[in-house]
Amino acid sequence: MKTKSLIITLVALIGLCSCGQSKEEKAQEMAANYLKGVLYHFDSYEPLQTKVDSSFVALSTDREAIELTLDMLKLFQSAQEYADKIESAESSMEIWSPSGYSSAYSKGEYRRAKE
């Protein structure tokens, strides 16, 4: 008896949830409500659909795009160099890590690698 009422309740809830608007319909309704408040004669406007079939900008001839790309490549190269220096310093720190029998030279090398 309880299972039948539970099943009927679940079916009713699923039916109510599926009757709502889709996200696209909600977005269209929100846009229409906004435009009704902004435009003077909302009914006189018709939505347009546009398609971009080609672009008239060539990045190979755009001087600013080329300069920005070169700057980005320089920054990437310097970041790679710093990463290599950090890796080298960490390796040196492992080699020269002080122990109970460390000399002043090995302590100095470890300090320089740490800096």
PDB file of N, CA and C in Angstrom:
ATOM      1  N   MET A   1       0.815  -1.188   0.000  1.00  0.00           N
ATOM      2  CA  MET A   1       0.000   0.000   0.000  1.00  0.00           C
ATOM      3  C   MET A   1       0.864   1.259   0.000  1.00  0.00           C
ATOM      4  N   LYS A   2       1.890   1.234   0.861  1.00  0.00           N
ATOM      5  CA  LYS A   2       2.786   2.393   0.930  1.00  0.00           C
ATOM      6  C   LYS A   2       3.599   2.536  -0.351  1.00  0.00           C
ATOM      7  N   THR A   3       3.988   1.415  -0.935  1.00  0.00           N
ATOM      8  CA  THR A   3       4.795   1.473  -2.147  1.00  0.00           C
ATOM      9  C   THR A   3       4.005   2.043  -3.316  1.00  0.00           C
ATOM     10  N   LYS A   4       2.693   1.726  -3.382  1.00  0.00           N
ATOM     11  CA  LYS A   4       1.876   2.272  -4.468  1.00  0.00           C
ATOM     12  C   LYS A   4       1.754   3.786  -4.340  1.00  0.00           C
ATOM     13  N   SER A   5       1.542   4.252  -3.117  1.00  0.00           N
ATOM     14  CA  SER A   5       1.415   5.710  -2.921  1.00  0.00           C
ATOM     15  C   SER A   5       2.746   6.403  -3.172  1.00  0.00           C
ATOM     16  N   LEU A   6       3.849   5.739  -2.809  1.00  0.00           N
ATOM     17  CA  LEU A   6       5.171   6.298  -3.060  1.00  0.00           C
ATOM     18  C   LEU A   6       5.445   6.382  -4.557  1.00  0.00           C
ATOM     19  N   ILE A   7       5.091   5.346  -5.299  1.00  0.00           N
ATOM     20  CA  ILE A   7       5.300   5.335  -6.741  1.00  0.00           C
ATOM     21  C   ILE A   7       4.438   6.404  -7.411  1.00  0.00           C
ATOM     22  N   ILE A   8       3.214   6.544  -6.980  1.00  0.00           N
ATOM     23  CA  ILE A   8       2.327   7.560  -7.555  1.00  0.00           C
ATOM     24  C   ILE A   8       2.867   8.956  -7.268  1.00  0.00           C
ATOM     25  N   THR A   9       3.376   9.167  -6.060  1.00  0.00           N
ATOM     26  CA  THR A   9       3.957  10.468  -5.708  1.00  0.00           C
ATOM     27  C   THR A   9       5.181  10.760  -6.567  1.00  0.00           C
ATOM     28  N   LEU A  10       6.050   9.778  -6.754  1.00  0.00           N
ATOM     29  CA  LEU A  10       7.242   9.977  -7.578  1.00  0.00           C
ATOM     30  C   LEU A  10       6.875  10.280  -9.028  1.00  0.00           C
ATOM     31  N   VAL A  11       5.900   9.572  -9.562  1.00  0.00           N
ATOM     32  CA  VAL A  11       5.477   9.823 -10.943  1.00  0.00           C
ATOM     33  C   VAL A  11       4.901  11.230 -11.064  1.00  0.00           C
ATOM     34  N   ALA A  12       4.134  11.661 -10.071  1.00  0.00           N
ATOM     35  CA  ALA A  12       3.555  13.001 -10.104  1.00  0.00           C
ATOM     36  C   ALA A  12       4.651  14.064 -10.032  1.00  0.00           C
ATOM     37  N   LEU A  13       5.667  13.861  -9.184  1.00  0.00           N
ATOM     38  CA  LEU A  13       6.775  14.823  -9.084  1.00  0.00           C
ATOM     39  C   LEU A  13       7.572  14.895 -10.378  1.00  0.00           C
ATOM     40  N   ILE A  14       7.831  13.751 -10.979  1.00  0.00           N
ATOM     41  CA  ILE A  14       8.566  13.737 -12.250  1.00  0.00           C
ATOM     42  C   ILE A  14       7.762  14.449 -13.328  1.00  0.00           C
ATOM     43  N   GLY A  15       6.461  14.226 -13.335  1.00  0.00           N
ATOM     44  CA  GLY A  15       5.605  14.897 -14.315  1.00  0.00           C
ATOM     45  C   GLY A  15       5.602  16.403 -14.127  1.00  0.00           C
ATOM     46  N   LEU A  16       5.581  16.871 -12.884  1.00  0.00           N
ATOM     47  CA  LEU A  16       5.588  18.315 -12.626  1.00  0.00           C
ATOM     48  C   LEU A  16       6.929  18.941 -12.998  1.00  0.00           C
ATOM     49  N   CYS A  17       8.006  18.225 -12.726  1.00  0.00           N
ATOM     50  CA  CYS A  17       9.335  18.764 -13.045  1.00  0.00           C
ATOM     51  C   CYS A  17       9.557  18.858 -14.548  1.00  0.00           C
ATOM     52  N   SER A  18       9.008  17.938 -15.307  1.00  0.00           N
ATOM     53  CA  SER A  18       9.238  17.947 -16.745  1.00  0.00           C
ATOM     54  C   SER A  18       8.388  18.981 -17.465  1.00  0.00           C
ATOM     55  N   CYS A  19       7.429  19.581 -16.796  1.00  0.00           N
ATOM     56  CA  CYS A  19       6.565  20.567 -17.437  1.00  0.00           C
ATOM     57  C   CYS A  19       7.176  21.961 -17.468  1.00  0.00           C
ATOM     58  N   GLY A  20       8.319  22.176 -16.832  1.00  0.00           N
ATOM     59  CA  GLY A  20       8.948  23.497 -16.783  1.00  0.00           C
ATOM     60  C   GLY A  20       9.584  23.877 -18.105  1.00  0.00           C
ATOM     61  N   GLN A  21       9.981  25.143 -18.189  1.00  0.00           N
ATOM     62  CA  GLN A  21      10.605  25.654 -19.407  1.00  0.00           C
ATOM     63  C   GLN A  21      12.049  25.173 -19.502  1.00  0.00           C
ATOM     64  N   SER A  22      12.533  25.069 -20.717  1.00  0.00           N
ATOM     65  CA  SER A  22      13.929  24.723 -20.919  1.00  0.00           C
ATOM     66  C   SER A  22      14.777  25.966 -20.670  1.00  0.00           C
ATOM     67  N   LYS A  23      16.078  25.781 -20.587  1.00  0.00           N
ATOM     68  CA  LYS A  23      16.980  26.907 -20.339  1.00  0.00           C
ATOM     69  C   LYS A  23      16.909  27.928 -21.472  1.00  0.00           C
ATOM     70  N   GLU A  24      16.799  27.439 -22.700  1.00  0.00           N
ATOM     71  CA  GLU A  24      16.719  28.339 -23.849  1.00  0.00           C
ATOM     72  C   GLU A  24      15.442  29.172 -23.800  1.00  0.00           C
ATOM     73  N   GLU A  25      14.339  28.536 -23.443  1.00  0.00           N
ATOM     74  CA  GLU A  25      13.066  29.280 -23.349  1.00  0.00           C
ATOM     75  C   GLU A  25      13.119  30.309 -22.229  1.00  0.00           C
ATOM     76  N   LYS A  26      13.734  29.947 -21.105  1.00  0.00           N
ATOM     77  CA  LYS A  26      13.870  30.888 -19.998  1.00  0.00           C
ATOM     78  C   LYS A  26      14.720  32.089 -20.418  1.00  0.00           C
ATOM     79  N   ALA A  27      15.806  31.827 -21.138  1.00  0.00           N
ATOM     80  CA  ALA A  27      16.689  32.909 -21.588  1.00  0.00           C
ATOM     81  C   ALA A  27      15.963  33.831 -22.564  1.00  0.00           C
ATOM     82  N   GLN A  28      15.190  33.247 -23.476  1.00  0.00           N
ATOM     83  CA  GLN A  28      14.439  34.079 -24.427  1.00  0.00           C
ATOM     84  C   GLN A  28      13.403  34.933 -23.709  1.00  0.00           C
ATOM     85  N   GLU A  29      12.762  34.353 -22.718  1.00  0.00           N
ATOM     86  CA  GLU A  29      11.749  35.104 -21.969  1.00  0.00           C
ATOM     87  C   GLU A  29      12.392  36.239 -21.170  1.00  0.00           C
ATOM     88  N   MET A  30      13.541  35.977 -20.566  1.00  0.00           N
ATOM     89  CA  MET A  30      14.238  37.021 -19.804  1.00  0.00           C
ATOM     90  C   MET A  30      14.695  38.141 -20.733  1.00  0.00           C
ATOM     91  N   ALA A  31      15.204  37.791 -21.900  1.00  0.00           N
ATOM     92  CA  ALA A  31      15.639  38.806 -22.857  1.00  0.00           C
ATOM     93  C   ALA A  31      14.467  39.638 -23.335  1.00  0.00           C
ATOM     94  N   ALA A  32      13.338  38.996 -23.604  1.00  0.00           N
ATOM     95  CA  ALA A  32      12.144  39.726 -24.057  1.00  0.00           C
ATOM     96  C   ALA A  32      11.649  40.667 -22.971  1.00  0.00           C
ATOM     97  N   ASN A  33      11.637  40.213 -21.732  1.00  0.00           N
ATOM     98  CA  ASN A  33      11.203  41.078 -20.629  1.00  0.00           C
ATOM     99  C   ASN A  33      12.123  42.283 -20.466  1.00  0.00           C
ATOM    100  N   TYR A  34      13.429  42.057 -20.610  1.00  0.00           N
ATOM    101  CA  TYR A  34      14.379  43.166 -20.494  1.00  0.00           C
ATOM    102  C   TYR A  34      14.176  44.173 -21.613  1.00  0.00           C
ATOM    103  N   LEU A  35      14.038  43.666 -22.841  1.00  0.00           N
ATOM    104  CA  LEU A  35      13.874  44.567 -23.985  1.00  0.00           C
ATOM    105  C   LEU A  35      12.545  45.329 -23.920  1.00  0.00           C
ATOM    106  N   LYS A  36      11.508  44.725 -23.382  1.00  0.00           N
ATOM    107  CA  LYS A  36      10.226  45.426 -23.239  1.00  0.00           C
ATOM    108  C   LYS A  36      10.380  46.638 -22.336  1.00  0.00           C
ATOM    109  N   GLY A  37      11.229  46.527 -21.327  1.00  0.00           N
ATOM    110  CA  GLY A  37      11.449  47.643 -20.417  1.00  0.00           C
ATOM    111  C   GLY A  37      12.379  48.698 -20.981  1.00  0.00           C
ATOM    112  N   VAL A  38      13.217  48.354 -21.936  1.00  0.00           N
ATOM    113  CA  VAL A  38      14.229  49.277 -22.459  1.00  0.00           C
ATOM    114  C   VAL A  38      13.772  49.975 -23.741  1.00  0.00           C
ATOM    115  N   LEU A  39      13.162  49.242 -24.645  1.00  0.00           N
ATOM    116  CA  LEU A  39      12.807  49.791 -25.951  1.00  0.00           C
ATOM    117  C   LEU A  39      11.457  50.516 -25.903  1.00  0.00           C
ATOM    118  N   TYR A  40      11.335  51.573 -26.715  1.00  0.00           N
ATOM    119  CA  TYR A  40      10.080  52.341 -26.748  1.00  0.00           C
ATOM    120  C   TYR A  40       8.962  51.561 -27.429  1.00  0.00           C
ATOM    121  N   HIS A  41       9.229  51.018 -28.591  1.00  0.00           N
ATOM    122  CA  HIS A  41       8.222  50.280 -29.365  1.00  0.00           C
ATOM    123  C   HIS A  41       8.719  48.858 -29.562  1.00  0.00           C
ATOM    124  N   PHE A  42       8.590  48.061 -28.525  1.00  0.00           N
ATOM    125  CA  PHE A  42       9.136  46.699 -28.542  1.00  0.00           C
ATOM    126  C   PHE A  42       8.530  45.851 -29.662  1.00  0.00           C
ATOM    127  N   ASP A  43       7.250  46.028 -29.947  1.00  0.00           N
ATOM    128  CA  ASP A  43       6.583  45.193 -30.954  1.00  0.00           C
ATOM    129  C   ASP A  43       7.078  45.458 -32.378  1.00  0.00           C
ATOM    130  N   SER A  44       7.688  46.616 -32.604  1.00  0.00           N
ATOM    131  CA  SER A  44       8.129  46.938 -33.955  1.00  0.00           C
ATOM    132  C   SER A  44       9.494  46.316 -34.292  1.00  0.00           C
ATOM    133  N   TYR A  45      10.175  45.741 -33.300  1.00  0.00           N
ATOM    134  CA  TYR A  45      11.483  45.135 -33.534  1.00  0.00           C
ATOM    135  C   TYR A  45      11.325  43.658 -33.841  1.00  0.00           C
ATOM    136  N   GLU A  46      12.157  43.183 -34.773  1.00  0.00           N
ATOM    137  CA  GLU A  46      12.170  41.771 -35.113  1.00  0.00           C
ATOM    138  C   GLU A  46      13.571  41.223 -34.871  1.00  0.00           C
ATOM    139  N   PRO A  47      13.673  40.022 -34.307  1.00  0.00           N
ATOM    140  CA  PRO A  47      15.007  39.463 -34.078  1.00  0.00           C
ATOM    141  C   PRO A  47      15.678  39.100 -35.400  1.00  0.00           C
ATOM    142  N   LEU A  48      16.957  39.329 -35.467  1.00  0.00           N
ATOM    143  CA  LEU A  48      17.741  39.003 -36.660  1.00  0.00           C
ATOM    144  C   LEU A  48      18.632  37.809 -36.371  1.00  0.00           C
ATOM    145  N   GLN A  49      18.949  37.085 -37.399  1.00  0.00           N
ATOM    146  CA  GLN A  49      19.875  35.981 -37.270  1.00  0.00           C
ATOM    147  C   GLN A  49      21.033  36.253 -38.222  1.00  0.00           C
ATOM    148  N   THR A  50      22.237  36.274 -37.695  1.00  0.00           N
ATOM    149  CA  THR A  50      23.404  36.547 -38.527  1.00  0.00           C
ATOM    150  C   THR A  50      24.336  35.345 -38.504  1.00  0.00           C
ATOM    151  N   LYS A  51      25.030  35.180 -39.601  1.00  0.00           N
ATOM    152  CA  LYS A  51      26.029  34.120 -39.702  1.00  0.00           C
ATOM    153  C   LYS A  51      27.312  34.736 -40.237  1.00  0.00           C
ATOM    154  N   VAL A  52      28.424  34.407 -39.596  1.00  0.00           N
ATOM    155  CA  VAL A  52      29.725  34.880 -40.056  1.00  0.00           C
ATOM    156  C   VAL A  52      30.301  33.793 -40.946  1.00  0.00           C
ATOM    157  N   ASP A  53      30.503  34.138 -42.213  1.00  0.00           N
ATOM    158  CA  ASP A  53      31.016  33.135 -43.141  1.00  0.00           C
ATOM    159  C   ASP A  53      32.491  33.328 -43.459  1.00  0.00           C
ATOM    160  N   SER A  54      33.043  34.509 -43.165  1.00  0.00           N
ATOM    161  CA  SER A  54      34.465  34.708 -43.412  1.00  0.00           C
ATOM    162  C   SER A  54      34.970  35.869 -42.561  1.00  0.00           C
ATOM    163  N   SER A  55      36.261  35.924 -42.429  1.00  0.00           N
ATOM    164  CA  SER A  55      36.906  36.984 -41.673  1.00  0.00           C
ATOM    165  C   SER A  55      37.851  37.724 -42.608  1.00  0.00           C
ATOM    166  N   PHE A  56      37.896  39.024 -42.472  1.00  0.00           N
ATOM    167  CA  PHE A  56      38.733  39.824 -43.356  1.00  0.00           C
ATOM    168  C   PHE A  56      39.990  40.327 -42.664  1.00  0.00           C
ATOM    169  N   VAL A  57      40.374  39.676 -41.568  1.00  0.00           N
ATOM    170  CA  VAL A  57      41.579  40.052 -40.839  1.00  0.00           C
ATOM    171  C   VAL A  57      42.581  38.912 -40.970  1.00  0.00           C
ATOM    172  N   ALA A  58      43.751  39.238 -41.405  1.00  0.00           N
ATOM    173  CA  ALA A  58      44.812  38.245 -41.502  1.00  0.00           C
ATOM    174  C   ALA A  58      45.828  38.528 -40.402  1.00  0.00           C
ATOM    175  N   LEU A  59      46.043  37.579 -39.507  1.00  0.00           N
ATOM    176  CA  LEU A  59      46.970  37.788 -38.408  1.00  0.00           C
ATOM    177  C   LEU A  59      48.415  37.904 -38.884  1.00  0.00           C
ATOM    178  N   SER A  60      48.703  37.378 -40.066  1.00  0.00           N
ATOM    179  CA  SER A  60      50.072  37.453 -40.572  1.00  0.00           C
ATOM    180  C   SER A  60      50.442  38.869 -40.995  1.00  0.00           C
ATOM    181  N   THR A  61      49.472  39.732 -41.240  1.00  0.00           N
ATOM    182  CA  THR A  61      49.770  41.105 -41.635  1.00  0.00           C
ATOM    183  C   THR A  61      49.448  42.112 -40.533  1.00  0.00           C
ATOM    184  N   ASP A  62      48.908  41.663 -39.418  1.00  0.00           N
ATOM    185  CA  ASP A  62      48.560  42.545 -38.309  1.00  0.00           C
ATOM    186  C   ASP A  62      49.800  42.747 -37.440  1.00  0.00           C
ATOM    187  N   ARG A  63      50.361  43.953 -37.509  1.00  0.00           N
ATOM    188  CA  ARG A  63      51.618  44.254 -36.828  1.00  0.00           C
ATOM    189  C   ARG A  63      51.498  44.095 -35.309  1.00  0.00           C
ATOM    190  N   GLU A  64      50.400  44.570 -34.741  1.00  0.00           N
ATOM    191  CA  GLU A  64      50.222  44.493 -33.289  1.00  0.00           C
ATOM    192  C   GLU A  64      50.131  43.028 -32.826  1.00  0.00           C
ATOM    193  N   ALA A  65      49.431  42.196 -33.587  1.00  0.00           N
ATOM    194  CA  ALA A  65      49.313  40.786 -33.222  1.00  0.00           C
ATOM    195  C   ALA A  65      50.669  40.097 -33.287  1.00  0.00           C
ATOM    196  N   ILE A  66      51.482  40.446 -34.282  1.00  0.00           N
ATOM    197  CA  ILE A  66      52.815  39.853 -34.406  1.00  0.00           C
ATOM    198  C   ILE A  66      53.694  40.268 -33.238  1.00  0.00           C
ATOM    199  N   GLU A  67      53.647  41.570 -32.870  1.00  0.00           N
ATOM    200  CA  GLU A  67      54.461  42.059 -31.754  1.00  0.00           C
ATOM    201  C   GLU A  67      54.036  41.411 -30.437  1.00  0.00           C
ATOM    202  N   LEU A  68      52.732  41.278 -30.225  1.00  0.00           N
ATOM    203  CA  LEU A  68      52.247  40.643 -28.999  1.00  0.00           C
ATOM    204  C   LEU A  68      52.637  39.172 -28.943  1.00  0.00           C
ATOM    205  N   THR A  69      52.620  38.506 -30.081  1.00  0.00           N
ATOM    206  CA  THR A  69      53.029  37.106 -30.124  1.00  0.00           C
ATOM    207  C   THR A  69      54.509  36.965 -29.803  1.00  0.00           C
ATOM    208  N   LEU A  70      55.334  37.855 -30.350  1.00  0.00           N
ATOM    209  CA  LEU A  70      56.775  37.814 -30.045  1.00  0.00           C
ATOM    210  C   LEU A  70      57.028  38.091 -28.568  1.00  0.00           C
ATOM    211  N   ASP A  71      56.317  39.054 -27.988  1.00  0.00           N
ATOM    212  CA  ASP A  71      56.464  39.342 -26.556  1.00  0.00           C
ATOM    213  C   ASP A  71      56.076  38.122 -25.715  1.00  0.00           C
ATOM    214  N   MET A  72      55.009  37.458 -26.114  1.00  0.00           N
ATOM    215  CA  MET A  72      54.564  36.276 -25.389  1.00  0.00           C
ATOM    216  C   MET A  72      55.615  35.172 -25.472  1.00  0.00           C
ATOM    217  N   LEU A  73      56.218  35.006 -26.647  1.00  0.00           N
ATOM    218  CA  LEU A  73      57.255  33.982 -26.801  1.00  0.00           C
ATOM    219  C   LEU A  73      58.483  34.297 -25.959  1.00  0.00           C
ATOM    220  N   LYS A  74      58.855  35.586 -25.878  1.00  0.00           N
ATOM    221  CA  LYS A  74      59.990  35.984 -25.041  1.00  0.00           C
ATOM    222  C   LYS A  74      59.706  35.708 -23.572  1.00  0.00           C
ATOM    223  N   LEU A  75      58.487  36.015 -23.127  1.00  0.00           N
ATOM    224  CA  LEU A  75      58.116  35.748 -21.735  1.00  0.00           C
ATOM    225  C   LEU A  75      58.132  34.252 -21.441  1.00  0.00           C
ATOM    226  N   PHE A  76      57.640  33.460 -22.381  1.00  0.00           N
ATOM    227  CA  PHE A  76      57.649  32.015 -22.201  1.00  0.00           C
ATOM    228  C   PHE A  76      59.075  31.492 -22.115  1.00  0.00           C
ATOM    229  N   GLN A  77      59.959  32.023 -22.957  1.00  0.00           N
ATOM    230  CA  GLN A  77      61.353  31.586 -22.947  1.00  0.00           C
ATOM    231  C   GLN A  77      62.026  31.949 -21.625  1.00  0.00           C
ATOM    232  N   SER A  78      61.785  33.177 -21.128  1.00  0.00           N
ATOM    233  CA  SER A  78      62.395  33.566 -19.857  1.00  0.00           C
ATOM    234  C   SER A  78      61.829  32.740 -18.696  1.00  0.00           C
ATOM    235  N   ALA A  79      60.548  32.413 -18.749  1.00  0.00           N
ATOM    236  CA  ALA A  79      59.968  31.568 -17.708  1.00  0.00           C
ATOM    237  C   ALA A  79      60.607  30.186 -17.735  1.00  0.00           C
ATOM    238  N   GLN A  80      60.870  29.671 -18.922  1.00  0.00           N
ATOM    239  CA  GLN A  80      61.520  28.363 -19.047  1.00  0.00           C
ATOM    240  C   GLN A  80      62.948  28.420 -18.510  1.00  0.00           C
ATOM    241  N   GLU A  81      63.661  29.529 -18.783  1.00  0.00           N
ATOM    242  CA  GLU A  81      65.026  29.678 -18.276  1.00  0.00           C
ATOM    243  C   GLU A  81      65.035  29.717 -16.751  1.00  0.00           C
ATOM    244  N   TYR A  82      64.094  30.447 -16.149  1.00  0.00           N
ATOM    245  CA  TYR A  82      64.017  30.510 -14.689  1.00  0.00           C
ATOM    246  C   TYR A  82      63.673  29.143 -14.100  1.00  0.00           C
ATOM    247  N   ALA A  83      62.805  28.402 -14.759  1.00  0.00           N
ATOM    248  CA  ALA A  83      62.469  27.059 -14.281  1.00  0.00           C
ATOM    249  C   ALA A  83      63.699  26.156 -14.329  1.00  0.00           C
ATOM    250  N   ASP A  84      64.512  26.285 -15.372  1.00  0.00           N
ATOM    251  CA  ASP A  84      65.742  25.498 -15.473  1.00  0.00           C
ATOM    252  C   ASP A  84      66.729  25.885 -14.378  1.00  0.00           C
ATOM    253  N   LYS A  85      66.840  27.202 -14.098  1.00  0.00           N
ATOM    254  CA  LYS A  85      67.742  27.657 -13.027  1.00  0.00           C
ATOM    255  C   LYS A  85      67.292  27.131 -11.672  1.00  0.00           C
ATOM    256  N   ILE A  86      66.001  27.130 -11.429  1.00  0.00           N
ATOM    257  CA  ILE A  86      65.481  26.625 -10.156  1.00  0.00           C
ATOM    258  C   ILE A  86      65.775  25.136 -10.021  1.00  0.00           C
ATOM    259  N   GLU A  87      65.582  24.391 -11.091  1.00  0.00           N
ATOM    260  CA  GLU A  87      65.856  22.960 -11.061  1.00  0.00           C
ATOM    261  C   GLU A  87      67.335  22.693 -10.809  1.00  0.00           C
ATOM    262  N   SER A  88      68.188  23.481 -11.443  1.00  0.00           N
ATOM    263  CA  SER A  88      69.627  23.322 -11.243  1.00  0.00           C
ATOM    264  C   SER A  88      70.018  23.641  -9.798  1.00  0.00           C
ATOM    265  N   ALA A  89      69.437  24.711  -9.237  1.00  0.00           N
ATOM    266  CA  ALA A  89      69.749  25.096  -7.856  1.00  0.00           C
ATOM    267  C   ALA A  89      69.273  24.021  -6.882  1.00  0.00           C
ATOM    268  N   GLU A  90      68.094  23.444  -7.121  1.00  0.00           N
ATOM    269  CA  GLU A  90      67.603  22.387  -6.244  1.00  0.00           C
ATOM    270  C   GLU A  90      68.498  21.156  -6.311  1.00  0.00           C
ATOM    271  N   SER A  91      68.997  20.866  -7.512  1.00  0.00           N
ATOM    272  CA  SER A  91      69.921  19.741  -7.670  1.00  0.00           C
ATOM    273  C   SER A  91      71.217  20.005  -6.905  1.00  0.00           C
ATOM    274  N   SER A  92      71.722  21.228  -6.996  1.00  0.00           N
ATOM    275  CA  SER A  92      72.945  21.588  -6.274  1.00  0.00           C
ATOM    276  C   SER A  92      72.723  21.528  -4.769  1.00  0.00           C
ATOM    277  N   MET A  93      71.558  21.946  -4.328  1.00  0.00           N
ATOM    278  CA  MET A  93      71.265  21.889  -2.897  1.00  0.00           C
ATOM    279  C   MET A  93      71.269  20.440  -2.403  1.00  0.00           C
ATOM    280  N   GLU A  94      70.753  19.532  -3.232  1.00  0.00           N
ATOM    281  CA  GLU A  94      70.766  18.123  -2.838  1.00  0.00           C
ATOM    282  C   GLU A  94      72.193  17.582  -2.778  1.00  0.00           C
ATOM    283  N   ILE A  95      73.025  18.004  -3.730  1.00  0.00           N
ATOM    284  CA  ILE A  95      74.410  17.521  -3.754  1.00  0.00           C
ATOM    285  C   ILE A  95      75.197  18.055  -2.564  1.00  0.00           C
ATOM    286  N   TRP A  96      75.057  19.345  -2.271  1.00  0.00           N
ATOM    287  CA  TRP A  96      75.866  19.999  -1.243  1.00  0.00           C
ATOM    288  C   TRP A  96      75.151  20.103   0.113  1.00  0.00           C
ATOM    289  N   SER A  97      74.089  19.324   0.313  1.00  0.00           N
ATOM    290  CA  SER A  97      73.366  19.424   1.584  1.00  0.00           C
ATOM    291  C   SER A  97      74.322  19.108   2.734  1.00  0.00           C
ATOM    292  N   PRO A  98      74.256  19.946   3.771  1.00  0.00           N
ATOM    293  CA  PRO A  98      75.226  19.780   4.868  1.00  0.00           C
ATOM    294  C   PRO A  98      74.957  18.514   5.678  1.00  0.00           C
ATOM    295  N   SER A  99      76.031  17.925   6.106  1.00  0.00           N
ATOM    296  CA  SER A  99      75.963  16.763   6.994  1.00  0.00           C
ATOM    297  C   SER A  99      76.919  17.021   8.153  1.00  0.00           C
ATOM    298  N   GLY A 100      77.085  16.054   8.989  1.00  0.00           N
ATOM    299  CA  GLY A 100      77.973  16.231  10.143  1.00  0.00           C
ATOM    300  C   GLY A 100      79.422  16.424   9.748  1.00  0.00           C
ATOM    301  N   TYR A 101      79.806  15.983   8.561  1.00  0.00           N
ATOM    302  CA  TYR A 101      81.209  16.056   8.125  1.00  0.00           C
ATOM    303  C   TYR A 101      81.413  17.069   7.003  1.00  0.00           C
ATOM    304  N   SER A 102      80.553  18.056   6.887  1.00  0.00           N
ATOM    305  CA  SER A 102      80.629  19.029   5.795  1.00  0.00           C
ATOM    306  C   SER A 102      81.772  20.008   6.017  1.00  0.00           C
ATOM    307  N   SER A 103      82.412  20.352   4.908  1.00  0.00           N
ATOM    308  CA  SER A 103      83.476  21.348   4.969  1.00  0.00           C
ATOM    309  C   SER A 103      82.881  22.736   4.759  1.00  0.00           C
ATOM    310  N   ALA A 104      83.688  23.732   4.962  1.00  0.00           N
ATOM    311  CA  ALA A 104      83.239  25.107   4.760  1.00  0.00           C
ATOM    312  C   ALA A 104      82.893  25.332   3.294  1.00  0.00           C
ATOM    313  N   TYR A 105      83.635  24.672   2.400  1.00  0.00           N
ATOM    314  CA  TYR A 105      83.368  24.820   0.976  1.00  0.00           C
ATOM    315  C   TYR A 105      81.985  24.265   0.626  1.00  0.00           C
ATOM    316  N   SER A 106      81.670  23.073   1.106  1.00  0.00           N
ATOM    317  CA  SER A 106      80.371  22.478   0.776  1.00  0.00           C
ATOM    318  C   SER A 106      79.229  23.273   1.406  1.00  0.00           C
ATOM    319  N   LYS A 107      79.459  23.830   2.592  1.00  0.00           N
ATOM    320  CA  LYS A 107      78.426  24.682   3.210  1.00  0.00           C
ATOM    321  C   LYS A 107      78.217  25.952   2.385  1.00  0.00           C
ATOM    322  N   GLY A 108      79.321  26.509   1.858  1.00  0.00           N
ATOM    323  CA  GLY A 108      79.221  27.704   1.007  1.00  0.00           C
ATOM    324  C   GLY A 108      78.497  27.389  -0.284  1.00  0.00           C
ATOM    325  N   GLU A 109      78.786  26.257  -0.903  1.00  0.00           N
ATOM    326  CA  GLU A 109      78.104  25.861  -2.147  1.00  0.00           C
ATOM    327  C   GLU A 109      76.608  25.656  -1.905  1.00  0.00           C
ATOM    328  N   TYR A 110      76.283  25.042  -0.767  1.00  0.00           N
ATOM    329  CA  TYR A 110      74.865  24.842  -0.435  1.00  0.00           C
ATOM    330  C   TYR A 110      74.161  26.175  -0.238  1.00  0.00           C
ATOM    331  N   ARG A 111      74.840  27.117   0.445  1.00  0.00           N
ATOM    332  CA  ARG A 111      74.256  28.438   0.690  1.00  0.00           C
ATOM    333  C   ARG A 111      74.029  29.176  -0.629  1.00  0.00           C
ATOM    334  N   ARG A 112      75.010  29.102  -1.547  1.00  0.00           N
ATOM    335  CA  ARG A 112      74.860  29.766  -2.852  1.00  0.00           C
ATOM    336  C   ARG A 112      73.718  29.145  -3.657  1.00  0.00           C
ATOM    337  N   ALA A 113      73.596  27.839  -3.629  1.00  0.00           N
ATOM    338  CA  ALA A 113      72.511  27.170  -4.360  1.00  0.00           C
ATOM    339  C   ALA A 113      71.161  27.538  -3.747  1.00  0.00           C
ATOM    340  N   LYS A 114      71.137  27.660  -2.439  1.00  0.00           N
ATOM    341  CA  LYS A 114      69.872  28.013  -1.768  1.00  0.00           C
ATOM    342  C   LYS A 114      69.443  29.432  -2.110  1.00  0.00           C
ATOM    343  N   GLU A 115      70.414  30.340  -2.206  1.00  0.00           N
ATOM    344  CA  GLU A 115      70.093  31.733  -2.569  1.00  0.00           C
ATOM    345  C   GLU A 115      69.570  31.790  -3.990  1.00  0.00           C
TER     346      GLU A 115
END
